[in-house]
Amino acid sequence: MIQYAIAVNLFAFFAMGLDKYKARRQRFRIAERTLWLLALFGGAAGAAAGMYTFRHKTRHRAFRYGLPLLAAAEFIVYWQWIE
C-alpha cells in the first residue's frame, strides 16, 4: 500500500509539472479529468504539491480548494490503513 501511495503521488506531481511545461509551449495538454483521476486514485497530495510547486491550476477554484481537501481526506485513509 505504501509503495502504491508513493508511486501515485510522484506520478501526479510530475503530471502537473508536465502539463505546466506543455501549457507554456502551447502543446497538447493533459486533460483536467486525468489530473483529477490521478488525485482521486490516491495522488491528491502529489497533485497539490505539484500545483503549488509549478504554480499550475492555482486559479481554478476546484483545484485550489479541492486538491488540498482531497489530500487531507486521503491522508486520513492512509493513516487508518497503516494502523
C-alpha atoms as a PDB file:
ATOM      1  CA  MET A   1       0.000   0.000   0.000  1.00  0.00           C
ATOM      2  CA  ILE A   2       2.745   2.447   0.904  1.00  0.00           C
ATOM      3  CA  GLN A   3       4.565   1.779  -2.383  1.00  0.00           C
ATOM      4  CA  TYR A   4       1.360   2.482  -4.286  1.00  0.00           C
ATOM      5  CA  ALA A   5       0.807   5.749  -2.397  1.00  0.00           C
ATOM      6  CA  ILE A   6       4.347   6.925  -3.107  1.00  0.00           C
ATOM      7  CA  ALA A   7       4.151   5.948  -6.775  1.00  0.00           C
ATOM      8  CA  VAL A   8       0.774   7.556  -7.493  1.00  0.00           C
ATOM      9  CA  ASN A   9       1.735  10.768  -5.670  1.00  0.00           C
ATOM     10  CA  LEU A  10       5.002  11.060  -7.573  1.00  0.00           C
ATOM     11  CA  PHE A  11       3.178  10.393 -10.818  1.00  0.00           C
ATOM     12  CA  ALA A  12       0.568  13.069 -10.031  1.00  0.00           C
ATOM     13  CA  PHE A  13       3.287  15.555  -9.052  1.00  0.00           C
ATOM     14  CA  PHE A  14       5.155  15.067 -12.314  1.00  0.00           C
ATOM     15  CA  ALA A  15       1.922  15.087 -14.335  1.00  0.00           C
ATOM     16  CA  MET A  16       1.226  18.593 -13.012  1.00  0.00           C
ATOM     17  CA  GLY A  17       4.744  19.654 -13.969  1.00  0.00           C
ATOM     18  CA  LEU A  18       4.443  18.141 -17.420  1.00  0.00           C
ATOM     19  CA  ASP A  19       1.086  19.828 -18.008  1.00  0.00           C
ATOM     20  CA  LYS A  20       2.563  23.184 -16.998  1.00  0.00           C
ATOM     21  CA  TYR A  21       5.501  22.599 -19.343  1.00  0.00           C
ATOM     22  CA  LYS A  22       3.120  21.798 -22.189  1.00  0.00           C
ATOM     23  CA  ALA A  23       0.928  24.808 -21.383  1.00  0.00           C
ATOM     24  CA  ARG A  24       3.871  27.184 -21.688  1.00  0.00           C
ATOM     25  CA  ARG A  25       4.792  25.741 -25.062  1.00  0.00           C
ATOM     26  CA  GLN A  26       1.194  25.588 -26.337  1.00  0.00           C
ATOM     27  CA  ARG A  27       1.350  21.853 -26.890  1.00  0.00           C
ATOM     28  CA  PHE A  28      -1.163  19.062 -26.422  1.00  0.00           C
ATOM     29  CA  ARG A  29      -2.167  19.157 -22.753  1.00  0.00           C
ATOM     30  CA  ILE A  30      -3.075  16.632 -20.104  1.00  0.00           C
ATOM     31  CA  ALA A  31      -6.827  16.735 -19.534  1.00  0.00           C
ATOM     32  CA  GLU A  32      -8.044  18.120 -16.214  1.00  0.00           C
ATOM     33  CA  ARG A  33     -10.091  14.968 -15.913  1.00  0.00           C
ATOM     34  CA  THR A  34      -6.892  12.913 -15.970  1.00  0.00           C
ATOM     35  CA  LEU A  35      -5.316  15.085 -13.285  1.00  0.00           C
ATOM     36  CA  TRP A  36      -8.417  14.660 -11.122  1.00  0.00           C
ATOM     37  CA  LEU A  37      -8.417  10.901 -11.654  1.00  0.00           C
ATOM     38  CA  LEU A  38      -4.803  10.718 -10.519  1.00  0.00           C
ATOM     39  CA  ALA A  39      -5.777  12.685  -7.428  1.00  0.00           C
ATOM     40  CA  LEU A  40      -8.837  10.531  -6.739  1.00  0.00           C
ATOM     41  CA  PHE A  41      -6.831   7.331  -7.015  1.00  0.00           C
ATOM     42  CA  GLY A  42      -4.585   8.400  -4.169  1.00  0.00           C
ATOM     43  CA  GLY A  43      -2.362  11.091  -5.660  1.00  0.00           C
ATOM     44  CA  ALA A  44      -4.005  14.216  -4.266  1.00  0.00           C
ATOM     45  CA  ALA A  45      -1.052  15.186  -2.077  1.00  0.00           C
ATOM     46  CA  GLY A  46       1.344  14.862  -5.011  1.00  0.00           C
ATOM     47  CA  ALA A  47      -1.011  16.766  -7.298  1.00  0.00           C
ATOM     48  CA  ALA A  48      -1.431  19.546  -4.732  1.00  0.00           C
ATOM     49  CA  ALA A  49       2.329  19.748  -4.202  1.00  0.00           C
ATOM     50  CA  GLY A  50       2.821  19.891  -7.970  1.00  0.00           C
ATOM     51  CA  MET A  51       0.143  22.548  -8.302  1.00  0.00           C
ATOM     52  CA  TYR A  52       1.924  24.842  -5.862  1.00  0.00           C
ATOM     53  CA  THR A  53       5.474  23.940  -6.934  1.00  0.00           C
ATOM     54  CA  PHE A  54       4.825  24.598 -10.617  1.00  0.00           C
ATOM     55  CA  ARG A  55       2.176  27.301  -9.984  1.00  0.00           C
ATOM     56  CA  HIS A  56      -0.216  25.415 -12.193  1.00  0.00           C
ATOM     57  CA  LYS A  57      -4.025  25.382 -11.972  1.00  0.00           C
ATOM     58  CA  THR A  58      -3.902  27.681  -8.936  1.00  0.00           C
ATOM     59  CA  ARG A  59      -6.531  29.996 -10.429  1.00  0.00           C
ATOM     60  CA  HIS A  60      -9.038  27.172 -10.732  1.00  0.00           C
ATOM     61  CA  ARG A  61     -11.076  27.116  -7.516  1.00  0.00           C
ATOM     62  CA  ALA A  62     -11.795  23.425  -7.870  1.00  0.00           C
ATOM     63  CA  PHE A  63      -8.082  22.671  -7.888  1.00  0.00           C
ATOM     64  CA  ARG A  64      -7.056  25.334  -5.366  1.00  0.00           C
ATOM     65  CA  TYR A  65      -9.517  24.139  -2.726  1.00  0.00           C
ATOM     66  CA  GLY A  66     -10.395  20.634  -3.883  1.00  0.00           C
ATOM     67  CA  LEU A  67      -6.926  19.109  -4.088  1.00  0.00           C
ATOM     68  CA  PRO A  68      -5.840  20.075  -0.559  1.00  0.00           C
ATOM     69  CA  LEU A  69      -9.160  18.836   0.877  1.00  0.00           C
ATOM     70  CA  LEU A  70      -8.882  15.591  -1.037  1.00  0.00           C
ATOM     71  CA  ALA A  71      -5.256  15.243   0.085  1.00  0.00           C
ATOM     72  CA  ALA A  72      -6.322  15.654   3.723  1.00  0.00           C
ATOM     73  CA  ALA A  73      -9.013  13.002   3.286  1.00  0.00           C
ATOM     74  CA  GLU A  74      -6.548  10.632   1.631  1.00  0.00           C
ATOM     75  CA  PHE A  75      -4.047  11.240   4.413  1.00  0.00           C
ATOM     76  CA  ILE A  76      -6.662  10.126   6.940  1.00  0.00           C
ATOM     77  CA  VAL A  77      -7.381   6.996   4.883  1.00  0.00           C
ATOM     78  CA  TYR A  78      -3.663   6.206   4.576  1.00  0.00           C
ATOM     79  CA  TRP A  79      -3.221   6.775   8.317  1.00  0.00           C
ATOM     80  CA  GLN A  80      -6.080   4.399   9.131  1.00  0.00           C
ATOM     81  CA  TRP A  81      -4.688   1.814   6.730  1.00  0.00           C
ATOM     82  CA  ILE A  82      -1.251   1.905   8.390  1.00  0.00           C
ATOM     83  CA  GLU A  83      -2.612   1.347  11.906  1.00  0.00           C
END
